[in-house]
Amino acid sequence: MKTNRIAVGLDIGTTKIVALIGRHNEFGKIEIIGHGTAPSLGVQRGVVVNITQTIESIEKAVALAEQSAGLQIKSVAVGIAGQHIRSLQHSDYITREDAEEVIEDADLDRLTENVHKLAMMPGEEIIHVLPQEYKVDGQGDIKEPRGMYGGRLEASFHIVVGQLTSIKNIARCVKSAHLDLHTVNLEPLASADAVLSQEEKEAGVVLVDIGGGTTDVAIFKDGIIRHTAVIPHGGNIITSDIKEGCAIIEKQAETLKVRFGSAWPGENKDNEIVAIPGLRGRDPKEISLKNLSRIIHARCTEIINAVFTEIKNYGYDQPSKKLIAGVVITGGGSQLKHVKQLVEYLTGLDTRVGYPNEHLASLDASNPLNSPIYSTAVGLLMQGLNSRKDIDFVTENEAIEDPLLEEVAVGIGMNPNEGTPMELHTAGFAEGDAIEDETQYDHLLNTPLDTEEMEAVEASSPIETEIKRTKIAQSDSQGNWFKRWADKFIDLIDE
């Protein structure tokens, strides 16, 4: 793991695309230094269906993140989901040449590479090879074989497989947005890193990430991933049901779901009605909240039953596979009213809503990033920070090299190596203002200030103050120096 690394997580979802830039602080918590969100227009059920629109959405989210962080993104850790994802179990082994040598990372990497060579079905590719338990010379139940001695090293693996076409489409969109693909990670595993504690993974827990297009499932026991699945239904299909059932447009259906929706019909009385605006020239339409809840309840029940089927396939009723920590739901769908109670009712397992704030620094409840909606993005950021790949995610700002700019910076008490030339030039503008063309610089250089304006500028703008003072106080002998400085100033902006 690279120290002081800045990483970028890119969540390409069905309803939104999120880019998060972050780093570890001195306490080991993740500090978010930039984020951007854009509507996702080219993705359906976790699969890219329109490359052009997806590229545009990625570029918008990345641009917003770069603007808020003041950095240029080079590489991203991307999540992948979709109904094409499947998982399987496999065991493999290697024979070591010298049994008297300790087992090292190279041996584990060689064993993992063996698994990557497995022949998959046509059009499929291995995404993850996740070791579960190891055996050394027949001795089983070993979680950490490094440092042990032995000639035969074997392990059981959980393998995640996806369609090669879908993976390539994700990679193509990222590269077309002028970004490098650092890693591709399964989204439920990323969400699990963000919202689950190690104690829950040890006790046995089911993570259910209810997104817009898919519902992702990951089951952990004894600290090890045991089962993964992607269900091709999410919050968007609930919105679609409301749209059809209430004969309204999709935007109104989404608003009804978020503001008045409930997964438990018994909570609404028969006389509770909400009126929504009619289409042009038509009367408002009245919607019964009880009928609305019945529509939502029916679809939520279907999704949760599909999740429960995956839990049964894992074999949770066996004594050695008990899920003591129950279910953790996250994602945008987890914010639907009473969905937690419905999960408890249908599965019989304790349930809580998972928030990604445990690993984040200085994030109070009012912060928009402290929401289950951002669980996957935070998890991807964490995986980028913990990656063993020594690749830079961002381009750092360069130090000042121009002597004239350095002279002005030092003259007003600024360290010229604390920012780029552009940062020093723009330091005198009010926070949040953007300088987009040369006319603003021309105005800065050529407009005189009276005494009151000069005093106002002094308090907040050291470089602008210096330029204005020079402009006002210049004499004939000083004029040539200032003209050369101003010409140099404009030339640098042109570059």
Protein backbone atom coordinates (compact mmCIF):
# COMPACT_ATOMS: atom_id res chain seq x y z
CA MET A 1 0.00 0.00 0.00
CA LYS A 2 1.35 3.37 -1.02
CA THR A 3 1.58 5.87 1.82
CA ASN A 4 -0.03 9.31 1.46
CA ARG A 5 -1.84 8.03 -1.60
CA ILE A 6 -4.76 9.93 -3.08
CA ALA A 7 -7.25 7.54 -4.71
CA VAL A 8 -10.38 7.90 -6.83
CA GLY A 9 -13.49 5.69 -6.75
CA LEU A 10 -15.92 5.79 -9.68
CA ASP A 11 -19.35 4.26 -9.14
CA ILE A 12 -21.08 3.78 -12.52
CA GLY A 13 -24.64 3.10 -11.40
CA THR A 14 -27.98 2.86 -13.14
CA THR A 15 -29.35 6.14 -11.76
CA LYS A 16 -26.19 8.13 -10.98
CA ILE A 17 -22.43 8.23 -11.51
CA VAL A 18 -20.34 9.23 -8.49
CA ALA A 19 -16.64 10.14 -8.41
CA LEU A 20 -14.96 10.40 -5.00
CA ILE A 21 -11.39 11.61 -4.35
CA GLY A 22 -9.93 10.85 -0.94
CA ARG A 23 -6.91 9.95 1.17
CA HIS A 24 -6.11 8.59 4.63
CA ASN A 25 -5.61 11.13 7.40
CA GLU A 26 -3.20 10.73 10.32
CA PHE A 27 -5.77 8.64 12.23
CA GLY A 28 -6.31 6.14 9.39
CA LYS A 29 -9.73 7.54 8.50
CA ILE A 30 -10.62 8.49 4.92
CA GLU A 31 -10.79 12.20 4.18
CA ILE A 32 -12.95 13.09 1.16
CA ILE A 33 -11.23 15.96 -0.67
CA GLY A 34 -13.43 16.05 -3.77
CA HIS A 35 -16.64 14.54 -5.09
CA GLY A 36 -18.90 14.84 -8.10
CA THR A 37 -22.26 13.32 -9.03
CA ALA A 38 -24.01 13.23 -12.40
CA PRO A 39 -27.20 11.51 -13.65
CA SER A 40 -26.48 8.19 -15.33
CA LEU A 41 -28.13 8.18 -18.75
CA GLY A 42 -26.57 5.21 -20.55
CA VAL A 43 -26.76 2.38 -17.99
CA GLN A 44 -29.60 -0.09 -17.41
CA ARG A 45 -29.53 -2.71 -14.65
CA GLY A 46 -25.82 -2.15 -14.15
CA VAL A 47 -24.94 -2.71 -17.82
CA VAL A 48 -23.84 -0.03 -20.31
CA VAL A 49 -26.40 0.26 -23.11
CA ASN A 50 -25.37 3.65 -24.51
CA ILE A 51 -21.63 4.28 -24.53
CA THR A 52 -21.83 7.92 -25.67
CA GLN A 53 -24.22 8.96 -22.89
CA THR A 54 -22.25 7.00 -20.29
CA ILE A 55 -19.01 8.74 -21.31
CA GLU A 56 -20.69 12.15 -21.01
CA SER A 57 -22.03 11.30 -17.55
CA ILE A 58 -18.60 10.06 -16.40
CA GLU A 59 -16.94 13.23 -17.69
CA LYS A 60 -19.46 15.42 -15.82
CA ALA A 61 -18.99 13.59 -12.51
CA VAL A 62 -15.19 13.58 -12.86
CA ALA A 63 -15.09 17.27 -13.79
CA LEU A 64 -17.09 18.19 -10.68
CA ALA A 65 -14.79 16.07 -8.50
CA GLU A 66 -11.67 17.65 -10.04
CA GLN A 67 -13.09 21.13 -9.53
CA SER A 68 -13.87 20.55 -5.86
CA ALA A 69 -10.49 18.92 -5.15
CA GLY A 70 -8.29 21.11 -7.36
CA LEU A 71 -6.63 18.00 -8.82
CA GLN A 72 -6.63 16.30 -12.21
CA ILE A 73 -7.82 12.68 -12.16
CA LYS A 74 -5.69 10.19 -14.10
CA SER A 75 -6.91 6.80 -12.94
CA VAL A 76 -10.02 5.38 -11.22
CA ALA A 77 -11.15 2.29 -9.32
CA VAL A 78 -14.40 1.26 -11.00
CA GLY A 79 -17.28 -0.91 -9.79
CA ILE A 80 -19.13 -3.48 -11.86
CA ALA A 81 -22.49 -5.18 -11.33
CA GLY A 82 -25.35 -6.45 -13.51
CA GLN A 83 -27.33 -9.62 -14.02
CA HIS A 84 -24.44 -11.16 -15.99
CA ILE A 85 -22.43 -11.57 -12.77
CA ARG A 86 -22.22 -15.06 -11.29
CA SER A 87 -20.03 -16.75 -8.68
CA LEU A 88 -18.65 -20.24 -8.10
CA GLN A 89 -16.44 -22.20 -5.71
CA HIS A 90 -13.13 -23.78 -6.73
CA SER A 91 -10.15 -25.46 -5.07
CA ASP A 92 -6.59 -25.44 -6.42
CA TYR A 93 -3.03 -26.14 -5.25
CA ILE A 94 0.64 -25.64 -6.07
CA THR A 95 3.71 -27.72 -5.23
CA ARG A 96 6.64 -25.77 -3.84
CA GLU A 97 10.20 -26.69 -4.84
CA ASP A 98 11.68 -26.23 -1.37
CA ALA A 99 9.43 -27.20 1.53
CA GLU A 100 11.97 -25.76 3.99
CA GLU A 101 11.48 -22.22 2.68
CA VAL A 102 8.77 -20.12 4.30
CA ILE A 103 5.60 -19.42 2.32
CA GLU A 104 5.65 -15.87 0.95
CA ASP A 105 3.47 -13.54 -1.13
CA ALA A 106 5.01 -14.94 -4.32
CA ASP A 107 3.60 -18.41 -3.51
CA LEU A 108 0.13 -17.01 -2.86
CA ASP A 109 0.28 -15.00 -6.08
CA ARG A 110 1.30 -18.11 -8.05
CA LEU A 111 -1.63 -20.04 -6.60
CA THR A 112 -4.02 -17.22 -7.49
CA GLU A 113 -2.60 -17.06 -11.03
CA ASN A 114 -3.38 -20.76 -11.43
CA VAL A 115 -7.04 -20.05 -10.71
CA HIS A 116 -7.08 -17.16 -13.21
CA LYS A 117 -6.14 -19.69 -15.92
CA LEU A 118 -9.38 -21.63 -15.44
CA ALA A 119 -11.45 -22.07 -18.59
CA MET A 120 -14.74 -20.20 -18.32
CA MET A 121 -17.84 -20.36 -20.46
CA PRO A 122 -17.59 -18.61 -23.86
CA GLY A 123 -17.72 -14.82 -23.46
CA GLU A 124 -16.98 -14.85 -19.70
CA GLU A 125 -14.02 -13.51 -17.76
CA ILE A 126 -12.88 -13.85 -14.16
CA ILE A 127 -13.27 -10.60 -12.21
CA HIS A 128 -12.23 -11.66 -8.72
CA VAL A 129 -10.43 -14.65 -7.21
CA LEU A 130 -11.06 -14.49 -3.46
CA PRO A 131 -9.22 -17.01 -1.23
CA GLN A 132 -11.24 -18.46 1.64
CA GLU A 133 -9.21 -21.06 3.53
CA TYR A 134 -5.77 -22.51 2.93
CA LYS A 135 -4.19 -25.92 3.53
CA VAL A 136 -0.49 -26.54 4.01
CA ASP A 137 0.59 -30.17 3.56
CA GLY A 138 -2.96 -31.30 4.35
CA GLN A 139 -3.40 -29.15 7.47
CA GLY A 140 -6.61 -27.20 6.95
CA ASP A 141 -8.48 -24.20 8.36
CA ILE A 142 -5.51 -21.88 7.84
CA LYS A 143 -6.42 -18.24 7.18
CA GLU A 144 -2.88 -16.84 7.00
CA PRO A 145 -0.29 -19.25 5.51
CA ARG A 146 2.52 -16.67 5.20
CA GLY A 147 5.53 -17.64 7.30
CA MET A 148 4.61 -21.35 7.44
CA TYR A 149 6.65 -24.19 5.93
CA GLY A 150 5.36 -26.82 3.53
CA GLY A 151 5.65 -28.38 0.10
CA ARG A 152 1.98 -28.38 -0.94
CA LEU A 153 -0.09 -25.20 -0.68
CA GLU A 154 -3.79 -25.41 -1.55
CA ALA A 155 -6.81 -23.21 -1.05
CA SER A 156 -10.52 -22.92 -1.70
CA PHE A 157 -11.56 -19.87 -3.70
CA HIS A 158 -14.69 -17.84 -4.31
CA ILE A 159 -14.59 -16.82 -7.97
CA VAL A 160 -16.65 -13.97 -9.42
CA VAL A 161 -17.28 -14.16 -13.18
CA GLY A 162 -18.82 -11.64 -15.59
CA GLN A 163 -19.55 -11.21 -19.27
CA LEU A 164 -16.46 -10.05 -21.16
CA THR A 165 -18.53 -7.69 -23.34
CA SER A 166 -19.97 -5.85 -20.34
CA ILE A 167 -16.54 -5.53 -18.72
CA LYS A 168 -15.03 -4.19 -21.95
CA ASN A 169 -17.86 -1.66 -22.35
CA ILE A 170 -17.13 -0.31 -18.86
CA ALA A 171 -13.41 -0.11 -19.69
CA ARG A 172 -14.14 1.56 -23.04
CA CYS A 173 -16.28 4.25 -21.40
CA VAL A 174 -13.62 4.99 -18.78
CA LYS A 175 -10.80 5.21 -21.34
CA SER A 176 -12.91 7.35 -23.68
CA ALA A 177 -13.37 9.77 -20.78
CA HIS A 178 -9.54 10.15 -20.79
CA LEU A 179 -9.06 8.05 -17.65
CA ASP A 180 -6.98 4.96 -16.87
CA LEU A 181 -8.67 1.90 -15.41
CA HIS A 182 -6.87 1.15 -12.14
CA THR A 183 -9.03 -1.78 -10.99
CA VAL A 184 -12.45 -3.29 -11.64
CA ASN A 185 -14.23 -4.37 -8.46
CA LEU A 186 -17.49 -6.15 -7.77
CA GLU A 187 -19.85 -3.53 -6.34
CA PRO A 188 -21.30 -5.62 -3.45
CA LEU A 189 -17.76 -6.26 -2.20
CA ALA A 190 -17.02 -2.53 -2.34
CA SER A 191 -20.25 -1.72 -0.48
CA ALA A 192 -19.38 -4.35 2.13
CA ASP A 193 -16.02 -2.69 2.81
CA ALA A 194 -17.80 0.62 3.37
CA VAL A 195 -20.64 -0.40 5.70
CA LEU A 196 -19.73 -3.71 7.42
CA SER A 197 -17.56 -4.08 10.50
CA GLN A 198 -15.06 -6.90 10.91
CA GLU A 199 -17.12 -8.24 13.83
CA GLU A 200 -20.18 -8.58 11.58
CA LYS A 201 -18.15 -10.41 8.93
CA GLU A 202 -16.87 -12.80 11.60
CA ALA A 203 -20.33 -13.45 13.08
CA GLY A 204 -22.02 -13.95 9.71
CA VAL A 205 -23.85 -11.22 7.82
CA VAL A 206 -25.73 -10.58 4.58
CA LEU A 207 -25.11 -7.32 2.76
CA VAL A 208 -28.02 -6.23 0.53
CA ASP A 209 -27.26 -3.21 -1.66
CA ILE A 210 -30.54 -2.05 -3.24
CA GLY A 211 -29.51 0.15 -6.15
CA GLY A 212 -31.44 1.69 -9.00
CA GLY A 213 -31.11 -1.17 -11.49
CA THR A 214 -29.85 -4.12 -9.45
CA THR A 215 -29.84 -5.51 -5.92
CA ASP A 216 -26.43 -6.86 -4.93
CA VAL A 217 -25.96 -9.57 -2.31
CA ALA A 218 -22.78 -10.56 -0.46
CA ILE A 219 -22.65 -13.07 2.42
CA PHE A 220 -19.74 -13.19 4.88
CA LYS A 221 -18.95 -15.74 7.59
CA ASP A 222 -15.80 -16.12 9.73
CA GLY A 223 -14.45 -12.99 8.09
CA ILE A 224 -14.52 -14.59 4.63
CA ILE A 225 -16.70 -13.93 1.60
CA ARG A 226 -18.94 -16.98 1.14
CA HIS A 227 -21.51 -16.07 -1.49
CA THR A 228 -22.25 -13.26 -3.95
CA ALA A 229 -25.16 -12.63 -6.30
CA VAL A 230 -26.68 -9.82 -8.38
CA ILE A 231 -30.49 -9.65 -8.67
CA PRO A 232 -31.65 -7.76 -11.80
CA HIS A 233 -34.23 -5.64 -9.96
CA GLY A 234 -33.85 -2.42 -7.99
CA GLY A 235 -35.49 0.87 -7.14
CA ASN A 236 -36.21 1.79 -10.77
CA ILE A 237 -38.61 -1.11 -11.25
CA ILE A 238 -40.59 0.09 -8.23
CA THR A 239 -40.82 3.53 -9.85
CA SER A 240 -41.94 1.89 -13.10
CA ASP A 241 -44.70 -0.02 -11.25
CA ILE A 242 -45.96 3.21 -9.65
CA LYS A 243 -45.93 4.92 -13.05
CA GLU A 244 -48.07 2.18 -14.61
CA GLY A 245 -50.29 1.57 -11.59
CA CYS A 246 -51.14 5.23 -11.03
CA ALA A 247 -51.08 6.28 -14.72
CA ILE A 248 -48.63 9.13 -14.13
CA ILE A 249 -45.29 10.18 -15.63
CA GLU A 250 -42.00 8.75 -14.36
CA LYS A 251 -40.80 11.94 -12.66
CA GLN A 252 -44.01 12.12 -10.62
CA ALA A 253 -43.75 8.42 -9.78
CA GLU A 254 -40.22 8.86 -8.42
CA THR A 255 -41.29 11.86 -6.33
CA LEU A 256 -44.24 9.91 -4.90
CA LYS A 257 -41.99 6.96 -4.03
CA VAL A 258 -39.41 9.10 -2.24
CA ARG A 259 -41.75 11.46 -0.39
CA PHE A 260 -44.81 9.36 0.37
CA GLY A 261 -43.87 5.74 -0.42
CA SER A 262 -43.89 2.96 2.14
CA ALA A 263 -43.15 -0.76 1.88
CA TRP A 264 -45.78 -1.52 4.54
CA PRO A 265 -49.39 -0.80 3.40
CA GLY A 266 -50.85 -1.07 6.90
CA GLU A 267 -49.22 2.25 7.84
CA ASN A 268 -51.54 4.28 5.58
CA LYS A 269 -55.22 5.00 6.17
CA ASP A 270 -57.81 4.65 3.42
CA ASN A 271 -58.58 8.37 3.38
CA GLU A 272 -54.95 9.53 2.96
CA ILE A 273 -54.71 11.08 -0.49
CA VAL A 274 -52.09 13.18 -2.24
CA ALA A 275 -52.86 15.36 -5.27
CA ILE A 276 -50.31 15.70 -8.05
CA PRO A 277 -50.43 18.26 -10.89
CA GLY A 278 -52.16 17.12 -14.04
CA LEU A 279 -50.67 17.41 -17.48
CA ARG A 280 -51.19 20.62 -19.44
CA GLY A 281 -54.81 21.76 -19.22
CA ARG A 282 -55.88 18.82 -17.03
CA ASP A 283 -57.12 18.69 -13.46
CA PRO A 284 -54.82 17.47 -10.67
CA LYS A 285 -54.83 13.73 -10.08
CA GLU A 286 -55.52 12.26 -6.64
CA ILE A 287 -53.48 9.25 -5.56
CA SER A 288 -54.39 7.04 -2.57
CA LEU A 289 -51.35 6.51 -0.37
CA LYS A 290 -52.65 3.07 0.60
CA ASN A 291 -52.74 2.00 -3.06
CA LEU A 292 -49.29 3.51 -3.53
CA SER A 293 -47.95 1.44 -0.62
CA ARG A 294 -49.55 -1.72 -1.99
CA ILE A 295 -47.74 -1.27 -5.29
CA ILE A 296 -44.42 -0.68 -3.54
CA HIS A 297 -44.99 -3.55 -1.10
CA ALA A 298 -45.63 -6.06 -3.90
CA ARG A 299 -42.39 -5.26 -5.73
CA CYS A 300 -40.28 -4.97 -2.56
CA THR A 301 -41.57 -8.38 -1.46
CA GLU A 302 -40.46 -9.86 -4.78
CA ILE A 303 -36.96 -8.37 -4.47
CA ILE A 304 -36.51 -9.42 -0.83
CA ASN A 305 -37.75 -12.96 -1.59
CA ALA A 306 -35.11 -13.19 -4.33
CA VAL A 307 -32.51 -12.11 -1.76
CA PHE A 308 -33.83 -14.70 0.69
CA THR A 309 -33.46 -17.39 -1.99
CA GLU A 310 -29.75 -16.52 -2.24
CA ILE A 311 -29.47 -16.75 1.56
CA LYS A 312 -31.07 -20.21 1.44
CA ASN A 313 -28.71 -21.28 -1.34
CA TYR A 314 -25.83 -20.38 0.96
CA GLY A 315 -27.32 -22.73 3.58
CA TYR A 316 -27.82 -20.31 6.46
CA ASP A 317 -29.91 -22.84 8.41
CA GLN A 318 -26.87 -25.08 8.99
CA PRO A 319 -25.29 -24.65 12.45
CA SER A 320 -21.86 -23.83 11.00
CA LYS A 321 -23.33 -21.23 8.62
CA LYS A 322 -25.56 -19.23 10.96
CA LEU A 323 -25.77 -15.52 10.20
CA ILE A 324 -25.65 -14.08 13.71
CA ALA A 325 -25.31 -10.45 12.54
CA GLY A 326 -28.38 -10.76 10.29
CA VAL A 327 -28.87 -8.43 7.32
CA VAL A 328 -27.41 -5.00 6.51
CA ILE A 329 -29.25 -3.09 3.78
CA THR A 330 -27.69 -0.14 1.98
CA GLY A 331 -27.98 1.71 -1.32
CA GLY A 332 -30.68 4.17 -2.37
CA GLY A 333 -33.46 1.58 -1.97
CA SER A 334 -32.66 1.15 1.73
CA GLN A 335 -34.01 4.67 2.36
CA LEU A 336 -37.53 3.63 1.37
CA LYS A 337 -39.81 3.88 4.39
CA HIS A 338 -40.38 0.62 6.32
CA VAL A 339 -38.22 -1.49 3.99
CA LYS A 340 -36.10 -2.50 7.01
CA GLN A 341 -39.18 -3.86 8.80
CA LEU A 342 -40.24 -5.75 5.66
CA VAL A 343 -36.81 -7.42 5.38
CA GLU A 344 -37.01 -8.52 9.02
CA TYR A 345 -40.53 -9.85 8.52
CA LEU A 346 -39.74 -11.88 5.37
CA THR A 347 -36.33 -13.27 6.39
CA GLY A 348 -36.64 -13.53 10.16
CA LEU A 349 -33.15 -11.98 10.50
CA ASP A 350 -32.14 -8.87 12.42
CA THR A 351 -31.75 -5.95 10.02
CA ARG A 352 -30.09 -2.54 10.08
CA VAL A 353 -29.42 0.19 7.51
CA GLY A 354 -25.73 0.53 6.59
CA TYR A 355 -24.11 3.97 6.39
CA PRO A 356 -20.56 4.57 5.08
CA ASN A 357 -19.61 7.01 7.87
CA GLU A 358 -17.64 4.51 9.99
CA HIS A 359 -14.52 4.79 7.81
CA LEU A 360 -14.87 8.48 6.93
CA ALA A 361 -13.32 11.39 8.81
CA SER A 362 -15.30 14.40 10.08
CA LEU A 363 -18.60 13.38 8.54
CA ASP A 364 -21.67 14.38 10.55
CA ALA A 365 -25.22 13.22 9.94
CA SER A 366 -26.08 16.31 7.88
CA ASN A 367 -23.32 15.68 5.32
CA PRO A 368 -24.85 14.42 2.04
CA LEU A 369 -22.04 11.86 1.65
CA ASN A 370 -23.18 10.21 4.88
CA SER A 371 -25.92 8.38 2.99
CA PRO A 372 -26.41 4.75 1.91
CA ILE A 373 -26.54 6.09 -1.66
CA TYR A 374 -22.75 6.60 -1.57
CA SER A 375 -21.80 3.26 0.04
CA THR A 376 -20.48 1.72 -3.19
CA ALA A 377 -18.47 4.83 -4.14
CA VAL A 378 -16.86 4.98 -0.68
CA GLY A 379 -16.04 1.26 -0.88
CA LEU A 380 -14.39 1.69 -4.29
CA LEU A 381 -12.35 4.59 -2.89
CA MET A 382 -11.24 2.38 0.02
CA GLN A 383 -10.18 -0.40 -2.34
CA GLY A 384 -8.21 2.11 -4.39
CA LEU A 385 -6.42 3.37 -1.27
CA ASN A 386 -5.59 -0.18 -0.14
CA SER A 387 -4.55 -1.43 -3.57
CA ARG A 388 -1.10 -2.94 -4.03
CA LYS A 389 -0.77 -1.36 -7.48
CA ASP A 390 1.72 1.51 -7.40
CA ILE A 391 -0.14 3.77 -9.83
CA ASP A 392 -1.00 7.42 -9.24
CA PHE A 393 -4.70 8.27 -9.38
CA VAL A 394 -4.27 12.03 -9.74
CA THR A 395 -1.85 14.62 -11.08
CA GLU A 396 -0.43 16.85 -8.37
CA ASN A 397 -0.12 20.61 -8.92
CA GLU A 398 3.32 21.80 -10.04
CA ALA A 399 5.46 24.36 -8.18
CA ILE A 400 6.20 27.85 -9.50
CA GLU A 401 9.17 28.16 -11.81
CA ASP A 402 8.63 31.65 -13.24
CA PRO A 403 11.01 34.14 -11.51
CA LEU A 404 8.76 37.20 -11.97
CA LEU A 405 5.81 35.44 -10.36
CA GLU A 406 8.05 34.18 -7.59
CA GLU A 407 9.23 37.77 -6.96
CA VAL A 408 5.66 39.00 -6.55
CA ALA A 409 4.66 36.01 -4.38
CA VAL A 410 7.61 36.40 -2.02
CA GLY A 411 7.12 40.17 -1.92
CA ILE A 412 3.65 39.77 -0.39
CA GLY A 413 4.61 37.02 2.05
CA MET A 414 3.39 33.95 0.12
CA ASN A 415 5.39 30.74 -0.31
CA PRO A 416 5.76 30.36 -4.09
CA ASN A 417 6.00 26.57 -3.80
CA GLU A 418 2.68 26.17 -2.00
CA GLY A 419 0.63 26.40 -5.18
CA THR A 420 0.68 26.49 -8.93
CA PRO A 421 1.15 29.69 -10.95
CA MET A 422 -2.58 29.63 -11.63
CA GLU A 423 -3.33 29.33 -7.90
CA LEU A 424 -1.11 32.32 -7.12
CA HIS A 425 -2.68 34.37 -9.88
CA THR A 426 -6.19 33.57 -8.71
CA ALA A 427 -5.50 33.77 -4.96
CA GLY A 428 -6.72 37.36 -4.87
CA PHE A 429 -10.21 36.55 -6.07
CA ALA A 430 -13.08 35.84 -3.71
CA GLU A 431 -13.39 32.17 -2.73
CA GLY A 432 -15.62 30.28 -5.14
CA ASP A 433 -15.16 32.73 -8.03
CA ALA A 434 -13.80 31.27 -11.26
CA ILE A 435 -11.50 33.00 -13.75
CA GLU A 436 -12.46 31.72 -17.16
CA ASP A 437 -10.94 34.16 -19.71
CA GLU A 438 -8.34 36.85 -20.18
CA THR A 439 -10.81 39.72 -19.91
CA GLN A 440 -10.93 39.23 -16.15
CA TYR A 441 -7.14 39.51 -15.97
CA ASP A 442 -7.21 42.60 -18.19
CA HIS A 443 -9.72 44.15 -15.81
CA LEU A 444 -7.52 43.20 -12.88
CA LEU A 445 -4.47 44.89 -14.41
CA ASN A 446 -6.00 47.97 -15.98
CA THR A 447 -8.77 49.16 -13.64
CA PRO A 448 -7.65 51.65 -10.94
CA LEU A 449 -9.11 51.47 -7.43
CA ASP A 450 -10.03 54.31 -5.15
CA THR A 451 -8.98 54.31 -1.47
CA GLU A 452 -12.05 52.51 -0.11
CA GLU A 453 -11.89 49.79 -2.76
CA MET A 454 -8.19 49.37 -2.10
CA GLU A 455 -8.81 48.80 1.62
CA ALA A 456 -11.49 46.23 0.85
CA VAL A 457 -9.19 44.32 -1.48
CA GLU A 458 -6.28 44.34 1.00
CA ALA A 459 -8.16 42.23 3.50
CA SER A 460 -8.77 39.24 1.18
CA SER A 461 -6.59 39.47 -1.90
CA PRO A 462 -2.82 39.72 -1.41
CA ILE A 463 -1.79 39.31 -5.04
CA GLU A 464 -4.52 41.55 -6.42
CA THR A 465 -3.53 44.13 -3.82
CA GLU A 466 0.08 43.99 -4.94
CA ILE A 467 -0.86 44.41 -8.59
CA LYS A 468 -3.20 47.33 -7.83
CA ARG A 469 -0.67 49.07 -5.61
CA THR A 470 1.95 48.75 -8.30
CA LYS A 471 -0.50 50.08 -10.86
CA ILE A 472 -1.47 53.09 -8.77
CA ALA A 473 1.99 53.95 -7.48
CA GLN A 474 3.97 53.32 -10.62
CA SER A 475 6.11 56.17 -11.92
CA ASP A 476 7.62 56.64 -15.36
CA SER A 477 10.69 54.74 -14.25
CA GLN A 478 8.59 51.91 -12.86
CA GLY A 479 6.24 51.72 -15.82
CA ASN A 480 8.54 49.60 -17.97
CA TRP A 481 9.01 47.03 -15.19
CA PHE A 482 5.29 46.71 -14.62
CA LYS A 483 4.56 46.44 -18.35
CA ARG A 484 7.07 43.60 -18.64
CA TRP A 485 5.50 41.91 -15.63
CA ALA A 486 1.98 42.33 -17.04
CA ASP A 487 3.04 41.00 -20.45
CA LYS A 488 4.63 38.01 -18.77
CA PHE A 489 1.45 37.56 -16.73
CA ILE A 490 -0.80 37.42 -19.82
CA ASP A 491 1.64 35.17 -21.72
CA LEU A 492 1.52 32.65 -18.90
CA ILE A 493 -2.27 32.66 -18.88
CA ASP A 494 -2.26 32.08 -22.66
CA GLU A 495 -0.06 29.04 -22.13
